[in-house]
Amino acid sequence: MEASLRVTLRFDVVAREEALRRFGQLVGPLAETTEYLIPTGLDEDLDKAVQDCVRAAIALLQAGFGMDPRLAYAYLSAATDFRISQVVDVVKGVHATIRKADFG
């Protein structure tokens, strides 16, 4: 993760079984803030990075909230922002911001 300003990060090590239960099968990094779950997609091809991010977000919604994949896709379309994280390096990055408050 990159930051242009000073940042304090905390890393939590989560057992594989718990991670699968809470977040689903993830291929890339996952970040969490007090407000958001932030799945990512990384690939040399930006389109593939976006696809990977969407798949990670759907897996996260299925595992963490029991959401049907079709409803997860609709939710992501209506209520989630996808942002380009990086394009200047060889690997392109995309991240989604899923509001935790939506699943209170």
PDB file of N, CA and C in Angstrom:
ATOM      1  N   MET A   1       0.841  -1.168   0.000  1.00  0.00           N
ATOM      2  CA  MET A   1       0.000   0.000   0.000  1.00  0.00           C
ATOM      3  C   MET A   1       0.887   1.232   0.000  1.00  0.00           C
ATOM      4  N   GLU A   2       0.454   2.236  -0.736  1.00  0.00           N
ATOM      5  CA  GLU A   2       1.195   3.476  -0.814  1.00  0.00           C
ATOM      6  C   GLU A   2       0.412   4.585  -0.127  1.00  0.00           C
ATOM      7  N   ALA A   3       1.137   5.546   0.407  1.00  0.00           N
ATOM      8  CA  ALA A   3       0.496   6.711   1.002  1.00  0.00           C
ATOM      9  C   ALA A   3       1.382   7.915   0.752  1.00  0.00           C
ATOM     10  N   SER A   4       0.770   9.015   0.361  1.00  0.00           N
ATOM     11  CA  SER A   4       1.558  10.210   0.073  1.00  0.00           C
ATOM     12  C   SER A   4       1.858  11.016   1.333  1.00  0.00           C
ATOM     13  N   LEU A   5       1.155  10.733   2.397  1.00  0.00           N
ATOM     14  CA  LEU A   5       1.353  11.417   3.667  1.00  0.00           C
ATOM     15  C   LEU A   5       1.751  10.381   4.715  1.00  0.00           C
ATOM     16  N   ARG A   6       2.003  10.824   5.899  1.00  0.00           N
ATOM     17  CA  ARG A   6       2.285   9.877   6.987  1.00  0.00           C
ATOM     18  C   ARG A   6       1.038   9.057   7.259  1.00  0.00           C
ATOM     19  N   VAL A   7       1.245   7.793   7.489  1.00  0.00           N
ATOM     20  CA  VAL A   7       0.116   6.908   7.744  1.00  0.00           C
ATOM     21  C   VAL A   7       0.519   5.894   8.804  1.00  0.00           C
ATOM     22  N   THR A   8      -0.410   5.527   9.619  1.00  0.00           N
ATOM     23  CA  THR A   8      -0.176   4.474  10.603  1.00  0.00           C
ATOM     24  C   THR A   8      -1.017   3.277  10.189  1.00  0.00           C
ATOM     25  N   LEU A   9      -0.375   2.156  10.013  1.00  0.00           N
ATOM     26  CA  LEU A   9      -1.056   0.930   9.618  1.00  0.00           C
ATOM     27  C   LEU A   9      -0.967  -0.087  10.739  1.00  0.00           C
ATOM     28  N   ARG A  10      -2.022  -0.870  10.867  1.00  0.00           N
ATOM     29  CA  ARG A  10      -2.011  -1.997  11.799  1.00  0.00           C
ATOM     30  C   ARG A  10      -2.336  -3.235  10.994  1.00  0.00           C
ATOM     31  N   PHE A  11      -1.522  -4.237  11.128  1.00  0.00           N
ATOM     32  CA  PHE A  11      -1.739  -5.488  10.428  1.00  0.00           C
ATOM     33  C   PHE A  11      -2.233  -6.530  11.413  1.00  0.00           C
ATOM     34  N   ASP A  12      -3.312  -7.190  11.068  1.00  0.00           N
ATOM     35  CA  ASP A  12      -3.838  -8.286  11.878  1.00  0.00           C
ATOM     36  C   ASP A  12      -3.602  -9.594  11.138  1.00  0.00           C
ATOM     37  N   VAL A  13      -3.043 -10.550  11.818  1.00  0.00           N
ATOM     38  CA  VAL A  13      -2.881 -11.881  11.252  1.00  0.00           C
ATOM     39  C   VAL A  13      -4.132 -12.669  11.618  1.00  0.00           C
ATOM     40  N   VAL A  14      -4.810 -13.170  10.593  1.00  0.00           N
ATOM     41  CA  VAL A  14      -6.066 -13.894  10.786  1.00  0.00           C
ATOM     42  C   VAL A  14      -5.858 -15.323  10.322  1.00  0.00           C
ATOM     43  N   ALA A  15      -6.254 -16.270  11.154  1.00  0.00           N
ATOM     44  CA  ALA A  15      -6.141 -17.681  10.776  1.00  0.00           C
ATOM     45  C   ALA A  15      -6.903 -17.936   9.478  1.00  0.00           C
ATOM     46  N   ARG A  16      -6.382 -18.819   8.641  1.00  0.00           N
ATOM     47  CA  ARG A  16      -6.965 -19.090   7.332  1.00  0.00           C
ATOM     48  C   ARG A  16      -8.453 -19.416   7.417  1.00  0.00           C
ATOM     49  N   GLU A  17      -8.841 -20.273   8.354  1.00  0.00           N
ATOM     50  CA  GLU A  17     -10.243 -20.690   8.477  1.00  0.00           C
ATOM     51  C   GLU A  17     -11.144 -19.494   8.789  1.00  0.00           C
ATOM     52  N   GLU A  18     -10.689 -18.647   9.707  1.00  0.00           N
ATOM     53  CA  GLU A  18     -11.470 -17.463  10.046  1.00  0.00           C
ATOM     54  C   GLU A  18     -11.522 -16.485   8.878  1.00  0.00           C
ATOM     55  N   ALA A  19     -10.406 -16.326   8.192  1.00  0.00           N
ATOM     56  CA  ALA A  19     -10.361 -15.422   7.040  1.00  0.00           C
ATOM     57  C   ALA A  19     -11.325 -15.890   5.952  1.00  0.00           C
ATOM     58  N   LEU A  20     -11.357 -17.178   5.676  1.00  0.00           N
ATOM     59  CA  LEU A  20     -12.288 -17.703   4.677  1.00  0.00           C
ATOM     60  C   LEU A  20     -13.734 -17.473   5.099  1.00  0.00           C
ATOM     61  N   ARG A  21     -14.017 -17.671   6.376  1.00  0.00           N
ATOM     62  CA  ARG A  21     -15.376 -17.482   6.876  1.00  0.00           C
ATOM     63  C   ARG A  21     -15.802 -16.015   6.789  1.00  0.00           C
ATOM     64  N   ARG A  22     -14.903 -15.118   7.150  1.00  0.00           N
ATOM     65  CA  ARG A  22     -15.243 -13.688   7.195  1.00  0.00           C
ATOM     66  C   ARG A  22     -15.147 -12.981   5.853  1.00  0.00           C
ATOM     67  N   PHE A  23     -14.179 -13.401   5.026  1.00  0.00           N
ATOM     68  CA  PHE A  23     -13.869 -12.629   3.822  1.00  0.00           C
ATOM     69  C   PHE A  23     -13.986 -13.407   2.521  1.00  0.00           C
ATOM     70  N   GLY A  24     -14.158 -14.711   2.585  1.00  0.00           N
ATOM     71  CA  GLY A  24     -14.195 -15.506   1.363  1.00  0.00           C
ATOM     72  C   GLY A  24     -12.800 -15.761   0.833  1.00  0.00           C
ATOM     73  N   GLN A  25     -12.744 -16.378  -0.339  1.00  0.00           N
ATOM     74  CA  GLN A  25     -11.476 -16.715  -0.978  1.00  0.00           C
ATOM     75  C   GLN A  25     -10.919 -15.467  -1.653  1.00  0.00           C
ATOM     76  N   LEU A  26      -9.886 -14.886  -1.094  1.00  0.00           N
ATOM     77  CA  LEU A  26      -9.282 -13.682  -1.647  1.00  0.00           C
ATOM     78  C   LEU A  26      -7.982 -14.013  -2.350  1.00  0.00           C
ATOM     79  N   VAL A  27      -7.741 -13.313  -3.457  1.00  0.00           N
ATOM     80  CA  VAL A  27      -6.499 -13.499  -4.185  1.00  0.00           C
ATOM     81  C   VAL A  27      -5.541 -12.344  -3.890  1.00  0.00           C
ATOM     82  N   GLY A  28      -6.101 -11.168  -3.636  1.00  0.00           N
ATOM     83  CA  GLY A  28      -5.277  -9.995  -3.397  1.00  0.00           C
ATOM     84  C   GLY A  28      -5.464  -9.444  -2.001  1.00  0.00           C
ATOM     85  N   PRO A  29      -4.830  -8.327  -1.729  1.00  0.00           N
ATOM     86  CA  PRO A  29      -4.931  -7.714  -0.408  1.00  0.00           C
ATOM     87  C   PRO A  29      -6.358  -7.248  -0.090  1.00  0.00           C
ATOM     88  N   LEU A  30      -6.656  -7.221   1.194  1.00  0.00           N
ATOM     89  CA  LEU A  30      -7.916  -6.690   1.691  1.00  0.00           C
ATOM     90  C   LEU A  30      -7.575  -5.704   2.800  1.00  0.00           C
ATOM     91  N   ALA A  31      -8.172  -4.533   2.731  1.00  0.00           N
ATOM     92  CA  ALA A  31      -7.982  -3.541   3.792  1.00  0.00           C
ATOM     93  C   ALA A  31      -9.327  -3.319   4.474  1.00  0.00           C
ATOM     94  N   GLU A  32      -9.256  -2.846   5.720  1.00  0.00           N
ATOM     95  CA  GLU A  32     -10.468  -2.536   6.461  1.00  0.00           C
ATOM     96  C   GLU A  32     -10.223  -1.266   7.259  1.00  0.00           C
ATOM     97  N   THR A  33     -11.175  -0.347   7.183  1.00  0.00           N
ATOM     98  CA  THR A  33     -11.157   0.851   8.015  1.00  0.00           C
ATOM     99  C   THR A  33     -12.375   0.780   8.936  1.00  0.00           C
ATOM    100  N   THR A  34     -12.568   1.781   9.743  1.00  0.00           N
ATOM    101  CA  THR A  34     -13.756   1.782  10.600  1.00  0.00           C
ATOM    102  C   THR A  34     -15.030   1.861   9.768  1.00  0.00           C
ATOM    103  N   GLU A  35     -14.950   2.419   8.567  1.00  0.00           N
ATOM    104  CA  GLU A  35     -16.131   2.600   7.726  1.00  0.00           C
ATOM    105  C   GLU A  35     -16.247   1.624   6.559  1.00  0.00           C
ATOM    106  N   TYR A  36     -15.131   1.118   6.067  1.00  0.00           N
ATOM    107  CA  TYR A  36     -15.155   0.375   4.811  1.00  0.00           C
ATOM    108  C   TYR A  36     -14.398  -0.950   4.878  1.00  0.00           C
ATOM    109  N   LEU A  37     -14.875  -1.889   4.053  1.00  0.00           N
ATOM    110  CA  LEU A  37     -14.097  -3.057   3.652  1.00  0.00           C
ATOM    111  C   LEU A  37     -13.581  -2.739   2.252  1.00  0.00           C
ATOM    112  N   ILE A  38     -12.305  -3.032   2.009  1.00  0.00           N
ATOM    113  CA  ILE A  38     -11.678  -2.585   0.767  1.00  0.00           C
ATOM    114  C   ILE A  38     -10.963  -3.744   0.075  1.00  0.00           C
ATOM    115  N   PRO A  39     -11.697  -4.511  -0.743  1.00  0.00           N
ATOM    116  CA  PRO A  39     -11.047  -5.548  -1.536  1.00  0.00           C
ATOM    117  C   PRO A  39     -10.322  -4.911  -2.722  1.00  0.00           C
ATOM    118  N   THR A  40      -9.343  -5.622  -3.254  1.00  0.00           N
ATOM    119  CA  THR A  40      -8.522  -5.073  -4.324  1.00  0.00           C
ATOM    120  C   THR A  40      -8.421  -6.043  -5.491  1.00  0.00           C
ATOM    121  N   GLY A  41      -7.966  -5.513  -6.593  1.00  0.00           N
ATOM    122  CA  GLY A  41      -7.614  -6.301  -7.765  1.00  0.00           C
ATOM    123  C   GLY A  41      -6.326  -5.753  -8.333  1.00  0.00           C
ATOM    124  N   LEU A  42      -5.398  -6.633  -8.645  1.00  0.00           N
ATOM    125  CA  LEU A  42      -4.093  -6.230  -9.179  1.00  0.00           C
ATOM    126  C   LEU A  42      -3.760  -7.084 -10.393  1.00  0.00           C
ATOM    127  N   ASP A  43      -3.363  -6.435 -11.481  1.00  0.00           N
ATOM    128  CA  ASP A  43      -2.953  -7.170 -12.671  1.00  0.00           C
ATOM    129  C   ASP A  43      -2.279  -6.192 -13.627  1.00  0.00           C
ATOM    130  N   GLU A  44      -1.498  -6.705 -14.559  1.00  0.00           N
ATOM    131  CA  GLU A  44      -0.887  -5.847 -15.567  1.00  0.00           C
ATOM    132  C   GLU A  44      -1.944  -5.254 -16.491  1.00  0.00           C
ATOM    133  N   ASP A  45      -3.046  -5.962 -16.667  1.00  0.00           N
ATOM    134  CA  ASP A  45      -4.167  -5.510 -17.494  1.00  0.00           C
ATOM    135  C   ASP A  45      -5.211  -4.862 -16.580  1.00  0.00           C
ATOM    136  N   LEU A  46      -5.533  -3.610 -16.809  1.00  0.00           N
ATOM    137  CA  LEU A  46      -6.466  -2.888 -15.941  1.00  0.00           C
ATOM    138  C   LEU A  46      -7.847  -3.543 -15.934  1.00  0.00           C
ATOM    139  N   ASP A  47      -8.307  -4.019 -17.088  1.00  0.00           N
ATOM    140  CA  ASP A  47      -9.613  -4.695 -17.137  1.00  0.00           C
ATOM    141  C   ASP A  47      -9.620  -5.933 -16.248  1.00  0.00           C
ATOM    142  N   LYS A  48      -8.547  -6.694 -16.278  1.00  0.00           N
ATOM    143  CA  LYS A  48      -8.449  -7.894 -15.431  1.00  0.00           C
ATOM    144  C   LYS A  48      -8.389  -7.500 -13.954  1.00  0.00           C
ATOM    145  N   ALA A  49      -7.691  -6.425 -13.643  1.00  0.00           N
ATOM    146  CA  ALA A  49      -7.631  -5.948 -12.256  1.00  0.00           C
ATOM    147  C   ALA A  49      -9.029  -5.586 -11.758  1.00  0.00           C
ATOM    148  N   VAL A  50      -9.830  -4.932 -12.605  1.00  0.00           N
ATOM    149  CA  VAL A  50     -11.198  -4.585 -12.217  1.00  0.00           C
ATOM    150  C   VAL A  50     -12.017  -5.857 -12.005  1.00  0.00           C
ATOM    151  N   GLN A  51     -11.914  -6.809 -12.914  1.00  0.00           N
ATOM    152  CA  GLN A  51     -12.640  -8.081 -12.771  1.00  0.00           C
ATOM    153  C   GLN A  51     -12.254  -8.787 -11.481  1.00  0.00           C
ATOM    154  N   ASP A  52     -10.969  -8.823 -11.179  1.00  0.00           N
ATOM    155  CA  ASP A  52     -10.506  -9.477  -9.949  1.00  0.00           C
ATOM    156  C   ASP A  52     -11.051  -8.770  -8.709  1.00  0.00           C
ATOM    157  N   CYS A  53     -11.111  -7.440  -8.755  1.00  0.00           N
ATOM    158  CA  CYS A  53     -11.637  -6.680  -7.628  1.00  0.00           C
ATOM    159  C   CYS A  53     -13.120  -6.972  -7.432  1.00  0.00           C
ATOM    160  N   VAL A  54     -13.881  -7.019  -8.512  1.00  0.00           N
ATOM    161  CA  VAL A  54     -15.315  -7.327  -8.419  1.00  0.00           C
ATOM    162  C   VAL A  54     -15.504  -8.737  -7.858  1.00  0.00           C
ATOM    163  N   ARG A  55     -14.731  -9.692  -8.335  1.00  0.00           N
ATOM    164  CA  ARG A  55     -14.842 -11.068  -7.832  1.00  0.00           C
ATOM    165  C   ARG A  55     -14.506 -11.141  -6.341  1.00  0.00           C
ATOM    166  N   ALA A  56     -13.476 -10.416  -5.942  1.00  0.00           N
ATOM    167  CA  ALA A  56     -13.105 -10.392  -4.522  1.00  0.00           C
ATOM    168  C   ALA A  56     -14.213  -9.764  -3.685  1.00  0.00           C
ATOM    169  N   ALA A  57     -14.825  -8.698  -4.202  1.00  0.00           N
ATOM    170  CA  ALA A  57     -15.904  -8.031  -3.477  1.00  0.00           C
ATOM    171  C   ALA A  57     -17.123  -8.945  -3.350  1.00  0.00           C
ATOM    172  N   ILE A  58     -17.454  -9.664  -4.406  1.00  0.00           N
ATOM    173  CA  ILE A  58     -18.580 -10.603  -4.355  1.00  0.00           C
ATOM    174  C   ILE A  58     -18.295 -11.718  -3.360  1.00  0.00           C
ATOM    175  N   ALA A  59     -17.097 -12.270  -3.390  1.00  0.00           N
ATOM    176  CA  ALA A  59     -16.722 -13.326  -2.431  1.00  0.00           C
ATOM    177  C   ALA A  59     -16.812 -12.810  -1.003  1.00  0.00           C
ATOM    178  N   LEU A  60     -16.389 -11.575  -0.791  1.00  0.00           N
ATOM    179  CA  LEU A  60     -16.445 -10.960   0.528  1.00  0.00           C
ATOM    180  C   LEU A  60     -17.890 -10.810   1.005  1.00  0.00           C
ATOM    181  N   LEU A  61     -18.763 -10.341   0.142  1.00  0.00           N
ATOM    182  CA  LEU A  61     -20.174 -10.172   0.505  1.00  0.00           C
ATOM    183  C   LEU A  61     -20.864 -11.514   0.748  1.00  0.00           C
ATOM    184  N   GLN A  62     -20.496 -12.514  -0.026  1.00  0.00           N
ATOM    185  CA  GLN A  62     -21.056 -13.856   0.190  1.00  0.00           C
ATOM    186  C   GLN A  62     -20.625 -14.415   1.540  1.00  0.00           C
ATOM    187  N   ALA A  63     -19.328 -14.381   1.795  1.00  0.00           N
ATOM    188  CA  ALA A  63     -18.790 -14.991   3.019  1.00  0.00           C
ATOM    189  C   ALA A  63     -19.191 -14.207   4.263  1.00  0.00           C
ATOM    190  N   GLY A  64     -19.029 -12.909   4.221  1.00  0.00           N
ATOM    191  CA  GLY A  64     -19.236 -12.100   5.412  1.00  0.00           C
ATOM    192  C   GLY A  64     -20.685 -11.806   5.747  1.00  0.00           C
ATOM    193  N   PHE A  65     -21.544 -11.789   4.710  1.00  0.00           N
ATOM    194  CA  PHE A  65     -22.923 -11.368   4.935  1.00  0.00           C
ATOM    195  C   PHE A  65     -23.957 -12.325   4.351  1.00  0.00           C
ATOM    196  N   GLY A  66     -23.502 -13.461   3.824  1.00  0.00           N
ATOM    197  CA  GLY A  66     -24.417 -14.456   3.282  1.00  0.00           C
ATOM    198  C   GLY A  66     -25.201 -13.972   2.072  1.00  0.00           C
ATOM    199  N   MET A  67     -24.652 -13.043   1.347  1.00  0.00           N
ATOM    200  CA  MET A  67     -25.368 -12.446   0.223  1.00  0.00           C
ATOM    201  C   MET A  67     -25.282 -13.339  -1.016  1.00  0.00           C
ATOM    202  N   ASP A  68     -26.391 -13.534  -1.685  1.00  0.00           N
ATOM    203  CA  ASP A  68     -26.430 -14.257  -2.955  1.00  0.00           C
ATOM    204  C   ASP A  68     -25.551 -13.505  -3.967  1.00  0.00           C
ATOM    205  N   PRO A  69     -24.789 -14.219  -4.791  1.00  0.00           N
ATOM    206  CA  PRO A  69     -23.885 -13.541  -5.733  1.00  0.00           C
ATOM    207  C   PRO A  69     -24.580 -12.534  -6.653  1.00  0.00           C
ATOM    208  N   ARG A  70     -25.798 -12.835  -7.099  1.00  0.00           N
ATOM    209  CA  ARG A  70     -26.511 -11.892  -7.978  1.00  0.00           C
ATOM    210  C   ARG A  70     -26.879 -10.607  -7.230  1.00  0.00           C
ATOM    211  N   LEU A  71     -27.292 -10.752  -5.966  1.00  0.00           N
ATOM    212  CA  LEU A  71     -27.598  -9.567  -5.164  1.00  0.00           C
ATOM    213  C   LEU A  71     -26.323  -8.795  -4.830  1.00  0.00           C
ATOM    214  N   ALA A  72     -25.236  -9.513  -4.588  1.00  0.00           N
ATOM    215  CA  ALA A  72     -23.954  -8.863  -4.323  1.00  0.00           C
ATOM    216  C   ALA A  72     -23.529  -8.022  -5.524  1.00  0.00           C
ATOM    217  N   TYR A  73     -23.679  -8.573  -6.705  1.00  0.00           N
ATOM    218  CA  TYR A  73     -23.324  -7.853  -7.924  1.00  0.00           C
ATOM    219  C   TYR A  73     -24.181  -6.593  -8.060  1.00  0.00           C
ATOM    220  N   ALA A  74     -25.481  -6.721  -7.804  1.00  0.00           N
ATOM    221  CA  ALA A  74     -26.384  -5.572  -7.881  1.00  0.00           C
ATOM    222  C   ALA A  74     -26.011  -4.522  -6.827  1.00  0.00           C
ATOM    223  N   TYR A  75     -25.711  -4.978  -5.613  1.00  0.00           N
ATOM    224  CA  TYR A  75     -25.293  -4.052  -4.554  1.00  0.00           C
ATOM    225  C   TYR A  75     -24.033  -3.296  -4.977  1.00  0.00           C
ATOM    226  N   LEU A  76     -23.055  -4.019  -5.495  1.00  0.00           N
ATOM    227  CA  LEU A  76     -21.807  -3.378  -5.906  1.00  0.00           C
ATOM    228  C   LEU A  76     -22.067  -2.338  -6.992  1.00  0.00           C
ATOM    229  N   SER A  77     -22.968  -2.655  -7.905  1.00  0.00           N
ATOM    230  CA  SER A  77     -23.296  -1.733  -8.987  1.00  0.00           C
ATOM    231  C   SER A  77     -23.942  -0.461  -8.461  1.00  0.00           C
ATOM    232  N   ALA A  78     -24.803  -0.603  -7.456  1.00  0.00           N
ATOM    233  CA  ALA A  78     -25.571   0.546  -6.966  1.00  0.00           C
ATOM    234  C   ALA A  78     -24.894   1.327  -5.846  1.00  0.00           C
ATOM    235  N   ALA A  79     -24.116   0.650  -5.005  1.00  0.00           N
ATOM    236  CA  ALA A  79     -23.709   1.296  -3.751  1.00  0.00           C
ATOM    237  C   ALA A  79     -22.211   1.283  -3.465  1.00  0.00           C
ATOM    238  N   THR A  80     -21.407   0.821  -4.398  1.00  0.00           N
ATOM    239  CA  THR A  80     -19.973   0.711  -4.128  1.00  0.00           C
ATOM    240  C   THR A  80     -19.179   1.499  -5.153  1.00  0.00           C
ATOM    241  N   ASP A  81     -18.185   2.227  -4.673  1.00  0.00           N
ATOM    242  CA  ASP A  81     -17.284   2.939  -5.566  1.00  0.00           C
ATOM    243  C   ASP A  81     -16.067   2.071  -5.854  1.00  0.00           C
ATOM    244  N   PHE A  82     -15.695   1.993  -7.110  1.00  0.00           N
ATOM    245  CA  PHE A  82     -14.464   1.329  -7.527  1.00  0.00           C
ATOM    246  C   PHE A  82     -13.513   2.416  -7.973  1.00  0.00           C
ATOM    247  N   ARG A  83     -12.298   2.373  -7.442  1.00  0.00           N
ATOM    248  CA  ARG A  83     -11.317   3.417  -7.744  1.00  0.00           C
ATOM    249  C   ARG A  83     -10.026   2.786  -8.263  1.00  0.00           C
ATOM    250  N   ILE A  84      -9.393   3.501  -9.148  1.00  0.00           N
ATOM    251  CA  ILE A  84      -8.105   3.056  -9.668  1.00  0.00           C
ATOM    252  C   ILE A  84      -7.054   3.421  -8.626  1.00  0.00           C
ATOM    253  N   SER A  85      -6.314   2.412  -8.164  1.00  0.00           N
ATOM    254  CA  SER A  85      -5.293   2.625  -7.140  1.00  0.00           C
ATOM    255  C   SER A  85      -3.959   3.019  -7.741  1.00  0.00           C
ATOM    256  N   GLN A  86      -3.632   2.403  -8.875  1.00  0.00           N
ATOM    257  CA  GLN A  86      -2.347   2.704  -9.497  1.00  0.00           C
ATOM    258  C   GLN A  86      -2.376   2.309 -10.960  1.00  0.00           C
ATOM    259  N   VAL A  87      -1.737   3.125 -11.792  1.00  0.00           N
ATOM    260  CA  VAL A  87      -1.611   2.806 -13.213  1.00  0.00           C
ATOM    261  C   VAL A  87      -0.219   3.115 -13.750  1.00  0.00           C
ATOM    262  N   VAL A  88       0.631   3.698 -12.939  1.00  0.00           N
ATOM    263  CA  VAL A  88       1.946   4.104 -13.435  1.00  0.00           C
ATOM    264  C   VAL A  88       2.981   2.991 -13.366  1.00  0.00           C
ATOM    265  N   ASP A  89       2.739   1.985 -12.566  1.00  0.00           N
ATOM    266  CA  ASP A  89       3.650   0.854 -12.505  1.00  0.00           C
ATOM    267  C   ASP A  89       3.206  -0.193 -13.524  1.00  0.00           C
ATOM    268  N   VAL A  90       3.971  -1.242 -13.636  1.00  0.00           N
ATOM    269  CA  VAL A  90       3.599  -2.325 -14.544  1.00  0.00           C
ATOM    270  C   VAL A  90       2.272  -2.947 -14.112  1.00  0.00           C
ATOM    271  N   VAL A  91       2.095  -3.125 -12.811  1.00  0.00           N
ATOM    272  CA  VAL A  91       0.870  -3.710 -12.279  1.00  0.00           C
ATOM    273  C   VAL A  91      -0.142  -2.600 -12.009  1.00  0.00           C
ATOM    274  N   LYS A  92      -1.343  -2.788 -12.539  1.00  0.00           N
ATOM    275  CA  LYS A  92      -2.433  -1.834 -12.311  1.00  0.00           C
ATOM    276  C   LYS A  92      -3.222  -2.277 -11.087  1.00  0.00           C
ATOM    277  N   GLY A  93      -3.807  -1.321 -10.378  1.00  0.00           N
ATOM    278  CA  GLY A  93      -4.542  -1.647  -9.161  1.00  0.00           C
ATOM    279  C   GLY A  93      -5.902  -0.974  -9.113  1.00  0.00           C
ATOM    280  N   VAL A  94      -6.871  -1.711  -8.581  1.00  0.00           N
ATOM    281  CA  VAL A  94      -8.234  -1.217  -8.395  1.00  0.00           C
ATOM    282  C   VAL A  94      -8.665  -1.601  -6.992  1.00  0.00           C
ATOM    283  N   HIS A  95      -9.430  -0.723  -6.333  1.00  0.00           N
ATOM    284  CA  HIS A  95      -9.980  -1.093  -5.034  1.00  0.00           C
ATOM    285  C   HIS A  95     -11.438  -0.647  -4.951  1.00  0.00           C
ATOM    286  N   ALA A  96     -12.207  -1.403  -4.192  1.00  0.00           N
ATOM    287  CA  ALA A  96     -13.616  -1.097  -3.963  1.00  0.00           C
ATOM    288  C   ALA A  96     -13.784  -0.641  -2.526  1.00  0.00           C
ATOM    289  N   THR A  97     -14.735   0.261  -2.305  1.00  0.00           N
ATOM    290  CA  THR A  97     -15.035   0.702  -0.938  1.00  0.00           C
ATOM    291  C   THR A  97     -16.467   0.273  -0.611  1.00  0.00           C
ATOM    292  N   ILE A  98     -16.572  -0.746   0.205  1.00  0.00           N
ATOM    293  CA  ILE A  98     -17.869  -1.300   0.617  1.00  0.00           C
ATOM    294  C   ILE A  98     -18.184  -0.750   2.005  1.00  0.00           C
ATOM    295  N   ARG A  99     -19.270   0.005   2.124  1.00  0.00           N
ATOM    296  CA  ARG A  99     -19.659   0.596   3.404  1.00  0.00           C
ATOM    297  C   ARG A  99     -20.137  -0.482   4.377  1.00  0.00           C
ATOM    298  N   LYS A 100     -19.466  -0.598   5.493  1.00  0.00           N
ATOM    299  CA  LYS A 100     -19.870  -1.567   6.514  1.00  0.00           C
ATOM    300  C   LYS A 100     -21.215  -1.205   7.119  1.00  0.00           C
ATOM    301  N   ALA A 101     -21.545   0.077   7.178  1.00  0.00           N
ATOM    302  CA  ALA A 101     -22.809   0.522   7.760  1.00  0.00           C
ATOM    303  C   ALA A 101     -24.019  -0.022   6.999  1.00  0.00           C
ATOM    304  N   ASP A 102     -23.843  -0.342   5.728  1.00  0.00           N
ATOM    305  CA  ASP A 102     -24.933  -0.900   4.924  1.00  0.00           C
ATOM    306  C   ASP A 102     -25.355  -2.292   5.434  1.00  0.00           C
ATOM    307  N   PHE A 103     -24.508  -2.904   6.254  1.00  0.00           N
ATOM    308  CA  PHE A 103     -24.762  -4.269   6.708  1.00  0.00           C
ATOM    309  C   PHE A 103     -24.855  -4.356   8.223  1.00  0.00           C
ATOM    310  N   GLY A 104     -25.104  -3.191   8.870  1.00  0.00           N
ATOM    311  CA  GLY A 104     -25.187  -3.065  10.314  1.00  0.00           C
ATOM    312  C   GLY A 104     -25.755  -4.229  11.000  1.00  0.00           C
TER     313      GLY A 104
END
